[in-house]
Amino acid sequence: MDHRDASYGLSVIVPASNEAAVIGGLLDSLLASVQTPRPVEIIVVANGCRDDTVAVAQRFADRAKTRGWSFAVIDVAQGGKLNALNVGDDHAAHADRIYLDADVIVSPGLIEAIADALDRPDPVYACGALVVARPSSLVTRRYARFWTQLPFVADGAPGCGMFAVNAAGRALWGRFPDIISDDTFVRLHFSPERRLEVPESYVWPMVEGFRNLVRVRRRQDRGVEEVARLYPALLSNEKKSALGAGRLARLAIRDPLGFLVYAAVSLAVRIPVGAGRPRWERGR
């Protein structure tokens, strides 16, 4: 017999700030998911919105009710993704959690697969197989093609735009701190053997154009540096697969244009910019 019965549920938390243009796609894909025997609740936390995010999200309440899922849209005046995650946690009825960016699209079987992966007593982190949405710009297309072959992405469970933890995993930390990189913070609470990637996919958009790639990459690097500075004990769980000169050379030979774009972005990120803590930037 399973250590938990089928009544044990899953909370899906979606922080959303001015996401009216994209959140409908996410909610539509969630509500088209394969039915899992566990009860599911969706919590959209609209934070600091100046557009119709709340109204768009609320349109999906009846569909959720029809399939027996709980659905809530929480409108908070204060912006900030980390605060929104904490608000979502405060309202969540279930201890197993999926955290989703508002601009991703989940495949039909992903929620069921994640629920199954989390169904164990020991702490575990899970995510789906990352698929980068086809970029419009040639620069981003080549960057994404090369980036997805890097060990951090190709060797499993990066958690870009979505990650999930079970009850024991969520108990490893308290409230989300006010930091740049929530995904890095969560992922590094788990050793590699406790980070699972299910084969079911989700689609995640990447920013368009060279300048935006540099801007977001700079923010990501600062986010990782911030976690390392504030939570150095977590670094023992990093254990990334080594890129190495040989693997890098093979990737460059296989995709020289992608390598050139990736290298150019990496070099541009090192150019000093004005001081100050960068605000949260979306992945598109």
C-alpha atoms as a PDB file:
ATOM      1  CA  MET A   1       0.000   0.000   0.000  1.00  0.00           C
ATOM      2  CA  ASP A   2       1.197   3.496  -0.805  1.00  0.00           C
ATOM      3  CA  HIS A   3       2.435   5.475   2.204  1.00  0.00           C
ATOM      4  CA  ARG A   4      -0.209   8.110   1.400  1.00  0.00           C
ATOM      5  CA  ASP A   5      -3.745   7.616   0.173  1.00  0.00           C
ATOM      6  CA  ALA A   6      -5.108   9.209  -2.968  1.00  0.00           C
ATOM      7  CA  SER A   7      -6.784  11.981  -0.992  1.00  0.00           C
ATOM      8  CA  TYR A   8      -3.413  13.637  -0.410  1.00  0.00           C
ATOM      9  CA  GLY A   9      -3.376  16.635  -2.692  1.00  0.00           C
ATOM     10  CA  LEU A  10      -1.197  18.935  -4.712  1.00  0.00           C
ATOM     11  CA  SER A  11      -1.057  22.738  -4.631  1.00  0.00           C
ATOM     12  CA  VAL A  12      -0.008  24.570  -7.798  1.00  0.00           C
ATOM     13  CA  ILE A  13       1.186  28.109  -7.049  1.00  0.00           C
ATOM     14  CA  VAL A  14       1.466  30.665  -9.849  1.00  0.00           C
ATOM     15  CA  PRO A  15       2.963  34.089  -9.072  1.00  0.00           C
ATOM     16  CA  ALA A  16       1.819  36.561 -11.704  1.00  0.00           C
ATOM     17  CA  SER A  17       2.674  40.230 -12.178  1.00  0.00           C
ATOM     18  CA  ASN A  18       1.190  41.904 -15.260  1.00  0.00           C
ATOM     19  CA  GLU A  19       0.814  38.552 -17.010  1.00  0.00           C
ATOM     20  CA  ALA A  20      -2.561  39.082 -18.696  1.00  0.00           C
ATOM     21  CA  ALA A  21      -1.081  38.316 -22.112  1.00  0.00           C
ATOM     22  CA  VAL A  22       0.256  34.896 -21.150  1.00  0.00           C
ATOM     23  CA  ILE A  23      -1.423  33.483 -18.062  1.00  0.00           C
ATOM     24  CA  GLY A  24      -4.396  32.211 -20.042  1.00  0.00           C
ATOM     25  CA  GLY A  25      -2.085  29.877 -21.938  1.00  0.00           C
ATOM     26  CA  LEU A  26      -0.685  28.418 -18.733  1.00  0.00           C
ATOM     27  CA  LEU A  27      -4.079  27.945 -17.081  1.00  0.00           C
ATOM     28  CA  ASP A  28      -5.532  26.433 -20.236  1.00  0.00           C
ATOM     29  CA  SER A  29      -2.689  23.903 -20.365  1.00  0.00           C
ATOM     30  CA  LEU A  30      -3.036  23.124 -16.646  1.00  0.00           C
ATOM     31  CA  LEU A  31      -6.751  22.472 -16.950  1.00  0.00           C
ATOM     32  CA  ALA A  32      -6.119  20.214 -19.962  1.00  0.00           C
ATOM     33  CA  SER A  33      -3.840  18.036 -17.854  1.00  0.00           C
ATOM     34  CA  VAL A  34      -4.387  14.325 -17.406  1.00  0.00           C
ATOM     35  CA  GLN A  35      -6.513  13.778 -14.316  1.00  0.00           C
ATOM     36  CA  THR A  36      -4.581  12.694 -11.243  1.00  0.00           C
ATOM     37  CA  PRO A  37      -6.361  10.821  -8.450  1.00  0.00           C
ATOM     38  CA  ARG A  38      -5.109  13.369  -5.937  1.00  0.00           C
ATOM     39  CA  PRO A  39      -7.068  16.589  -5.388  1.00  0.00           C
ATOM     40  CA  VAL A  40      -5.408  19.576  -7.037  1.00  0.00           C
ATOM     41  CA  GLU A  41      -5.700  23.251  -6.251  1.00  0.00           C
ATOM     42  CA  ILE A  42      -4.465  26.129  -8.394  1.00  0.00           C
ATOM     43  CA  ILE A  43      -3.533  29.356  -6.625  1.00  0.00           C
ATOM     44  CA  VAL A  44      -2.774  32.384  -8.797  1.00  0.00           C
ATOM     45  CA  VAL A  45      -1.136  35.185  -6.815  1.00  0.00           C
ATOM     46  CA  ALA A  46      -1.505  38.389  -8.812  1.00  0.00           C
ATOM     47  CA  ASN A  47       1.025  40.770  -7.324  1.00  0.00           C
ATOM     48  CA  GLY A  48       1.253  44.465  -8.079  1.00  0.00           C
ATOM     49  CA  CYS A  49      -0.661  44.057 -11.336  1.00  0.00           C
ATOM     50  CA  ARG A  50      -1.582  47.059 -13.456  1.00  0.00           C
ATOM     51  CA  ASP A  51      -3.250  45.025 -16.191  1.00  0.00           C
ATOM     52  CA  ASP A  52      -6.075  42.463 -16.454  1.00  0.00           C
ATOM     53  CA  THR A  53      -4.184  39.492 -14.972  1.00  0.00           C
ATOM     54  CA  VAL A  54      -6.798  38.983 -12.263  1.00  0.00           C
ATOM     55  CA  ALA A  55      -9.751  39.121 -14.657  1.00  0.00           C
ATOM     56  CA  VAL A  56      -8.118  36.777 -17.164  1.00  0.00           C
ATOM     57  CA  ALA A  57      -7.237  34.252 -14.458  1.00  0.00           C
ATOM     58  CA  GLN A  58     -10.709  34.331 -12.904  1.00  0.00           C
ATOM     59  CA  ARG A  59     -12.231  33.245 -16.209  1.00  0.00           C
ATOM     60  CA  PHE A  60     -10.815  29.769 -15.583  1.00  0.00           C
ATOM     61  CA  ALA A  61     -12.582  29.231 -12.243  1.00  0.00           C
ATOM     62  CA  ASP A  62     -15.594  27.439 -13.742  1.00  0.00           C
ATOM     63  CA  ARG A  63     -13.409  25.064 -15.771  1.00  0.00           C
ATOM     64  CA  ALA A  64     -11.462  24.174 -12.659  1.00  0.00           C
ATOM     65  CA  LYS A  65     -14.658  23.553 -10.722  1.00  0.00           C
ATOM     66  CA  THR A  66     -15.976  21.327 -13.506  1.00  0.00           C
ATOM     67  CA  ARG A  67     -13.042  18.976 -13.176  1.00  0.00           C
ATOM     68  CA  GLY A  68     -13.125  19.047  -9.407  1.00  0.00           C
ATOM     69  CA  TRP A  69     -10.051  21.207  -8.816  1.00  0.00           C
ATOM     70  CA  SER A  70      -9.936  24.057  -6.331  1.00  0.00           C
ATOM     71  CA  PHE A  71      -9.102  27.412  -7.872  1.00  0.00           C
ATOM     72  CA  ALA A  72      -8.271  30.768  -6.302  1.00  0.00           C
ATOM     73  CA  VAL A  73      -6.987  34.099  -7.553  1.00  0.00           C
ATOM     74  CA  ILE A  74      -5.400  36.224  -4.840  1.00  0.00           C
ATOM     75  CA  ASP A  75      -4.870  39.882  -5.687  1.00  0.00           C
ATOM     76  CA  VAL A  76      -2.171  41.551  -3.595  1.00  0.00           C
ATOM     77  CA  ALA A  77      -1.057  45.141  -4.031  1.00  0.00           C
ATOM     78  CA  GLN A  78       2.584  44.471  -3.206  1.00  0.00           C
ATOM     79  CA  GLY A  79       4.716  43.392  -6.131  1.00  0.00           C
ATOM     80  CA  GLY A  80       7.585  40.932  -5.975  1.00  0.00           C
ATOM     81  CA  LYS A  81       7.756  37.284  -6.941  1.00  0.00           C
ATOM     82  CA  LEU A  82       9.146  36.031  -3.627  1.00  0.00           C
ATOM     83  CA  ASN A  83       6.361  37.696  -1.657  1.00  0.00           C
ATOM     84  CA  ALA A  84       3.859  36.157  -4.071  1.00  0.00           C
ATOM     85  CA  LEU A  85       5.347  32.712  -3.459  1.00  0.00           C
ATOM     86  CA  ASN A  86       4.962  33.212   0.283  1.00  0.00           C
ATOM     87  CA  VAL A  87       1.366  34.371  -0.123  1.00  0.00           C
ATOM     88  CA  GLY A  88       0.664  31.285  -2.208  1.00  0.00           C
ATOM     89  CA  ASP A  89       2.235  29.044   0.412  1.00  0.00           C
ATOM     90  CA  ASP A  90       0.157  30.710   3.130  1.00  0.00           C
ATOM     91  CA  HIS A  91      -3.042  29.835   1.258  1.00  0.00           C
ATOM     92  CA  ALA A  92      -2.032  26.350   0.084  1.00  0.00           C
ATOM     93  CA  ALA A  93      -4.070  23.455   1.436  1.00  0.00           C
ATOM     94  CA  HIS A  94      -1.636  20.721   0.428  1.00  0.00           C
ATOM     95  CA  ALA A  95       1.973  20.108   1.404  1.00  0.00           C
ATOM     96  CA  ASP A  96       3.168  18.899  -2.006  1.00  0.00           C
ATOM     97  CA  ARG A  97       3.774  22.004  -4.114  1.00  0.00           C
ATOM     98  CA  ILE A  98       4.364  22.917  -7.744  1.00  0.00           C
ATOM     99  CA  TYR A  99       5.610  26.447  -8.432  1.00  0.00           C
ATOM    100  CA  LEU A 100       4.999  27.663 -11.994  1.00  0.00           C
ATOM    101  CA  ASP A 101       5.885  30.873 -13.788  1.00  0.00           C
ATOM    102  CA  ALA A 102       2.863  32.378 -15.498  1.00  0.00           C
ATOM    103  CA  ASP A 103       4.424  32.223 -18.970  1.00  0.00           C
ATOM    104  CA  VAL A 104       5.093  28.487 -19.234  1.00  0.00           C
ATOM    105  CA  ILE A 105       2.920  25.853 -20.911  1.00  0.00           C
ATOM    106  CA  VAL A 106       2.701  22.384 -19.381  1.00  0.00           C
ATOM    107  CA  SER A 107       2.219  19.198 -21.376  1.00  0.00           C
ATOM    108  CA  PRO A 108      -0.915  17.132 -20.620  1.00  0.00           C
ATOM    109  CA  GLY A 109       0.873  14.488 -18.562  1.00  0.00           C
ATOM    110  CA  LEU A 110       3.223  16.709 -16.571  1.00  0.00           C
ATOM    111  CA  ILE A 111       1.119  17.337 -13.455  1.00  0.00           C
ATOM    112  CA  GLU A 112       0.324  13.638 -13.041  1.00  0.00           C
ATOM    113  CA  ALA A 113       3.999  12.724 -13.533  1.00  0.00           C
ATOM    114  CA  ILE A 114       5.155  15.326 -11.014  1.00  0.00           C
ATOM    115  CA  ALA A 115       2.555  14.167  -8.484  1.00  0.00           C
ATOM    116  CA  ASP A 116       3.836  10.600  -8.831  1.00  0.00           C
ATOM    117  CA  ALA A 117       7.471  11.715  -8.478  1.00  0.00           C
ATOM    118  CA  LEU A 118       6.662  13.593  -5.268  1.00  0.00           C
ATOM    119  CA  ASP A 119       4.809  10.644  -3.748  1.00  0.00           C
ATOM    120  CA  ARG A 120       7.530   9.494  -1.348  1.00  0.00           C
ATOM    121  CA  PRO A 121       8.386  10.201   2.292  1.00  0.00           C
ATOM    122  CA  ASP A 122      11.944  11.480   1.825  1.00  0.00           C
ATOM    123  CA  PRO A 123      12.652  15.053   0.620  1.00  0.00           C
ATOM    124  CA  VAL A 124      12.549  15.343  -3.155  1.00  0.00           C
ATOM    125  CA  TYR A 125      12.569  18.046  -5.833  1.00  0.00           C
ATOM    126  CA  ALA A 126      11.116  17.472  -9.285  1.00  0.00           C
ATOM    127  CA  CYS A 127      10.694  19.276 -12.568  1.00  0.00           C
ATOM    128  CA  GLY A 128       9.635  18.479 -16.110  1.00  0.00           C
ATOM    129  CA  ALA A 129      11.756  18.186 -19.222  1.00  0.00           C
ATOM    130  CA  LEU A 130      12.525  21.712 -20.362  1.00  0.00           C
ATOM    131  CA  VAL A 131      11.612  22.745 -23.893  1.00  0.00           C
ATOM    132  CA  VAL A 132      12.530  26.290 -24.931  1.00  0.00           C
ATOM    133  CA  ALA A 133       9.753  27.935 -26.936  1.00  0.00           C
ATOM    134  CA  ARG A 134      10.895  28.659 -30.487  1.00  0.00           C
ATOM    135  CA  PRO A 135      12.378  32.162 -30.351  1.00  0.00           C
ATOM    136  CA  SER A 136      11.438  34.788 -32.906  1.00  0.00           C
ATOM    137  CA  SER A 137      14.893  36.336 -33.099  1.00  0.00           C
ATOM    138  CA  LEU A 138      17.767  34.521 -34.785  1.00  0.00           C
ATOM    139  CA  VAL A 139      20.167  35.501 -31.996  1.00  0.00           C
ATOM    140  CA  THR A 140      18.011  33.978 -29.273  1.00  0.00           C
ATOM    141  CA  ARG A 141      17.359  30.908 -31.409  1.00  0.00           C
ATOM    142  CA  ARG A 142      21.083  30.224 -31.725  1.00  0.00           C
ATOM    143  CA  TYR A 143      21.759  31.044 -28.073  1.00  0.00           C
ATOM    144  CA  ALA A 144      18.970  28.708 -26.909  1.00  0.00           C
ATOM    145  CA  ARG A 145      20.145  25.904 -29.175  1.00  0.00           C
ATOM    146  CA  PHE A 146      23.609  26.007 -27.628  1.00  0.00           C
ATOM    147  CA  TRP A 147      22.459  26.684 -24.051  1.00  0.00           C
ATOM    148  CA  THR A 148      20.192  23.647 -23.969  1.00  0.00           C
ATOM    149  CA  GLN A 149      23.223  21.424 -24.674  1.00  0.00           C
ATOM    150  CA  LEU A 150      25.158  22.671 -21.642  1.00  0.00           C
ATOM    151  CA  PRO A 151      25.517  20.212 -18.735  1.00  0.00           C
ATOM    152  CA  PHE A 152      23.383  22.285 -16.348  1.00  0.00           C
ATOM    153  CA  VAL A 153      20.421  21.918 -18.696  1.00  0.00           C
ATOM    154  CA  ALA A 154      21.127  18.702 -20.570  1.00  0.00           C
ATOM    155  CA  ASP A 155      22.061  16.620 -17.530  1.00  0.00           C
ATOM    156  CA  GLY A 156      18.855  17.205 -15.691  1.00  0.00           C
ATOM    157  CA  ALA A 157      16.428  19.134 -13.501  1.00  0.00           C
ATOM    158  CA  PRO A 158      17.375  22.821 -13.959  1.00  0.00           C
ATOM    159  CA  GLY A 159      13.931  24.005 -12.840  1.00  0.00           C
ATOM    160  CA  CYS A 160      13.706  27.044 -15.133  1.00  0.00           C
ATOM    161  CA  GLY A 161      10.160  28.372 -14.843  1.00  0.00           C
ATOM    162  CA  MET A 162       8.872  25.404 -12.847  1.00  0.00           C
ATOM    163  CA  PHE A 163       9.882  23.256  -9.930  1.00  0.00           C
ATOM    164  CA  ALA A 164       8.089  21.092  -7.407  1.00  0.00           C
ATOM    165  CA  VAL A 165       8.772  19.741  -3.935  1.00  0.00           C
ATOM    166  CA  ASN A 166       7.037  17.229  -1.731  1.00  0.00           C
ATOM    167  CA  ALA A 167       6.041  17.810   1.899  1.00  0.00           C
ATOM    168  CA  ALA A 168       9.399  16.693   3.306  1.00  0.00           C
ATOM    169  CA  GLY A 169      11.216  18.801   0.715  1.00  0.00           C
ATOM    170  CA  ARG A 170       9.178  21.927   1.444  1.00  0.00           C
ATOM    171  CA  ALA A 171      10.001  21.507   5.128  1.00  0.00           C
ATOM    172  CA  LEU A 172      13.705  22.115   4.373  1.00  0.00           C
ATOM    173  CA  TRP A 173      13.219  25.893   4.460  1.00  0.00           C
ATOM    174  CA  GLY A 174      10.713  28.325   5.904  1.00  0.00           C
ATOM    175  CA  ARG A 175       9.471  31.343   4.011  1.00  0.00           C
ATOM    176  CA  PHE A 176      11.069  32.325   0.734  1.00  0.00           C
ATOM    177  CA  PRO A 177      13.728  34.973   1.382  1.00  0.00           C
ATOM    178  CA  ASP A 178      13.806  38.214  -0.578  1.00  0.00           C
ATOM    179  CA  ILE A 179      16.425  37.126  -3.106  1.00  0.00           C
ATOM    180  CA  ILE A 180      16.870  37.238  -6.859  1.00  0.00           C
ATOM    181  CA  SER A 181      16.964  33.553  -7.749  1.00  0.00           C
ATOM    182  CA  ASP A 182      14.205  31.497  -6.125  1.00  0.00           C
ATOM    183  CA  ASP A 183      14.840  28.503  -8.399  1.00  0.00           C
ATOM    184  CA  THR A 184      18.541  28.318  -7.453  1.00  0.00           C
ATOM    185  CA  PHE A 185      17.701  28.696  -3.767  1.00  0.00           C
ATOM    186  CA  VAL A 186      15.216  25.814  -3.877  1.00  0.00           C
ATOM    187  CA  ARG A 187      17.236  23.508  -6.131  1.00  0.00           C
ATOM    188  CA  LEU A 188      20.316  23.738  -3.907  1.00  0.00           C
ATOM    189  CA  HIS A 189      18.367  22.457  -0.916  1.00  0.00           C
ATOM    190  CA  PHE A 190      18.508  19.072  -2.635  1.00  0.00           C
ATOM    191  CA  SER A 191      21.463  16.881  -3.509  1.00  0.00           C
ATOM    192  CA  PRO A 192      21.591  15.721  -7.150  1.00  0.00           C
ATOM    193  CA  GLU A 193      20.142  12.293  -6.334  1.00  0.00           C
ATOM    194  CA  ARG A 194      17.083  14.008  -4.860  1.00  0.00           C
ATOM    195  CA  ARG A 195      16.537  16.207  -7.918  1.00  0.00           C
ATOM    196  CA  LEU A 196      14.301  14.361 -10.349  1.00  0.00           C
ATOM    197  CA  GLU A 197      13.385  15.219 -13.916  1.00  0.00           C
ATOM    198  CA  VAL A 198      10.297  13.493 -15.303  1.00  0.00           C
ATOM    199  CA  PRO A 199      10.136  12.890 -19.068  1.00  0.00           C
ATOM    200  CA  GLU A 200       6.944  14.896 -19.521  1.00  0.00           C
ATOM    201  CA  SER A 201       7.737  18.362 -20.809  1.00  0.00           C
ATOM    202  CA  TYR A 202       6.877  21.990 -20.350  1.00  0.00           C
ATOM    203  CA  VAL A 203       7.580  24.946 -22.644  1.00  0.00           C
ATOM    204  CA  TRP A 204       9.507  27.911 -21.292  1.00  0.00           C
ATOM    205  CA  PRO A 205      10.099  31.157 -23.243  1.00  0.00           C
ATOM    206  CA  MET A 206      13.497  32.809 -23.501  1.00  0.00           C
ATOM    207  CA  VAL A 207      13.975  36.548 -23.919  1.00  0.00           C
ATOM    208  CA  GLU A 208      14.365  37.888 -27.422  1.00  0.00           C
ATOM    209  CA  GLY A 209      17.473  39.674 -28.694  1.00  0.00           C
ATOM    210  CA  PHE A 210      21.075  40.099 -27.668  1.00  0.00           C
ATOM    211  CA  ARG A 211      20.593  42.945 -25.196  1.00  0.00           C
ATOM    212  CA  ASN A 212      17.803  41.130 -23.370  1.00  0.00           C
ATOM    213  CA  LEU A 213      19.843  37.934 -23.223  1.00  0.00           C
ATOM    214  CA  VAL A 214      22.692  39.861 -21.600  1.00  0.00           C
ATOM    215  CA  ARG A 215      20.334  41.602 -19.181  1.00  0.00           C
ATOM    216  CA  VAL A 216      18.697  38.376 -17.994  1.00  0.00           C
ATOM    217  CA  ARG A 217      21.957  36.419 -17.941  1.00  0.00           C
ATOM    218  CA  ARG A 218      23.504  39.149 -15.776  1.00  0.00           C
ATOM    219  CA  ARG A 219      20.576  38.922 -13.379  1.00  0.00           C
ATOM    220  CA  GLN A 220      20.843  35.120 -13.263  1.00  0.00           C
ATOM    221  CA  ASP A 221      24.553  35.285 -12.475  1.00  0.00           C
ATOM    222  CA  ARG A 222      23.948  37.806  -9.709  1.00  0.00           C
ATOM    223  CA  GLY A 223      21.216  35.597  -8.329  1.00  0.00           C
ATOM    224  CA  VAL A 224      23.549  32.620  -8.105  1.00  0.00           C
ATOM    225  CA  GLU A 225      26.253  34.777  -6.499  1.00  0.00           C
ATOM    226  CA  GLU A 226      23.723  36.068  -3.961  1.00  0.00           C
ATOM    227  CA  VAL A 227      22.672  32.554  -2.931  1.00  0.00           C
ATOM    228  CA  ALA A 228      26.331  31.538  -2.615  1.00  0.00           C
ATOM    229  CA  ARG A 229      27.034  34.559  -0.421  1.00  0.00           C
ATOM    230  CA  LEU A 230      23.981  34.292   1.833  1.00  0.00           C
ATOM    231  CA  TYR A 231      23.623  30.506   1.981  1.00  0.00           C
ATOM    232  CA  PRO A 232      27.116  29.055   1.465  1.00  0.00           C
ATOM    233  CA  ALA A 233      26.174  25.715   3.033  1.00  0.00           C
ATOM    234  CA  LEU A 234      23.854  25.045   0.091  1.00  0.00           C
ATOM    235  CA  LEU A 235      26.766  24.975  -2.361  1.00  0.00           C
ATOM    236  CA  SER A 236      27.635  21.427  -1.289  1.00  0.00           C
ATOM    237  CA  ASN A 237      24.545  20.324  -3.227  1.00  0.00           C
ATOM    238  CA  GLU A 238      25.562  22.030  -6.479  1.00  0.00           C
ATOM    239  CA  LYS A 239      27.704  19.266  -7.977  1.00  0.00           C
ATOM    240  CA  LYS A 240      27.156  20.344 -11.581  1.00  0.00           C
ATOM    241  CA  SER A 241      28.333  18.115 -14.375  1.00  0.00           C
ATOM    242  CA  ALA A 242      31.636  19.528 -15.547  1.00  0.00           C
ATOM    243  CA  LEU A 243      31.601  21.231 -18.918  1.00  0.00           C
ATOM    244  CA  GLY A 244      35.318  20.741 -19.501  1.00  0.00           C
ATOM    245  CA  ALA A 245      37.348  21.939 -22.456  1.00  0.00           C
ATOM    246  CA  GLY A 246      36.736  18.758 -24.410  1.00  0.00           C
ATOM    247  CA  ARG A 247      32.963  18.857 -24.108  1.00  0.00           C
ATOM    248  CA  LEU A 248      32.907  22.576 -24.847  1.00  0.00           C
ATOM    249  CA  ALA A 249      35.015  22.002 -27.968  1.00  0.00           C
ATOM    250  CA  ARG A 250      32.675  19.266 -29.168  1.00  0.00           C
ATOM    251  CA  LEU A 251      29.651  21.493 -28.638  1.00  0.00           C
ATOM    252  CA  ALA A 252      31.376  24.384 -30.459  1.00  0.00           C
ATOM    253  CA  ILE A 253      32.287  22.178 -33.418  1.00  0.00           C
ATOM    254  CA  ARG A 254      28.753  20.832 -33.592  1.00  0.00           C
ATOM    255  CA  ASP A 255      27.174  24.287 -33.388  1.00  0.00           C
ATOM    256  CA  PRO A 256      29.721  27.061 -34.144  1.00  0.00           C
ATOM    257  CA  LEU A 257      27.150  29.833 -34.606  1.00  0.00           C
ATOM    258  CA  GLY A 258      25.409  28.952 -31.382  1.00  0.00           C
ATOM    259  CA  PHE A 259      28.759  28.907 -29.602  1.00  0.00           C
ATOM    260  CA  LEU A 260      29.676  32.346 -30.936  1.00  0.00           C
ATOM    261  CA  VAL A 261      26.404  33.868 -29.756  1.00  0.00           C
ATOM    262  CA  TYR A 262      26.663  32.180 -26.359  1.00  0.00           C
ATOM    263  CA  ALA A 263      30.283  33.307 -25.972  1.00  0.00           C
ATOM    264  CA  ALA A 264      29.393  36.873 -26.975  1.00  0.00           C
ATOM    265  CA  VAL A 265      26.632  37.020 -24.354  1.00  0.00           C
ATOM    266  CA  SER A 266      28.976  35.544 -21.723  1.00  0.00           C
ATOM    267  CA  LEU A 267      31.601  38.183 -22.478  1.00  0.00           C
ATOM    268  CA  ALA A 268      29.088  41.051 -22.525  1.00  0.00           C
ATOM    269  CA  VAL A 269      27.807  40.017 -19.091  1.00  0.00           C
ATOM    270  CA  ARG A 270      31.276  40.728 -17.661  1.00  0.00           C
ATOM    271  CA  ILE A 271      31.197  44.370 -18.750  1.00  0.00           C
ATOM    272  CA  PRO A 272      30.618  46.462 -15.596  1.00  0.00           C
ATOM    273  CA  VAL A 273      27.245  48.167 -15.289  1.00  0.00           C
ATOM    274  CA  GLY A 274      25.727  50.555 -12.777  1.00  0.00           C
ATOM    275  CA  ALA A 275      25.541  49.375  -9.201  1.00  0.00           C
ATOM    276  CA  GLY A 276      22.324  48.305  -7.564  1.00  0.00           C
ATOM    277  CA  ARG A 277      20.344  45.159  -6.987  1.00  0.00           C
ATOM    278  CA  PRO A 278      18.559  44.155 -10.204  1.00  0.00           C
ATOM    279  CA  ARG A 279      14.830  43.767 -10.083  1.00  0.00           C
ATOM    280  CA  TRP A 280      13.197  40.475 -10.968  1.00  0.00           C
ATOM    281  CA  GLU A 281      13.164  39.902 -14.716  1.00  0.00           C
ATOM    282  CA  ARG A 282      10.866  37.524 -16.501  1.00  0.00           C
ATOM    283  CA  GLY A 283      12.321  34.886 -18.781  1.00  0.00           C
ATOM    284  CA  ARG A 284      10.973  36.376 -21.986  1.00  0.00           C
END
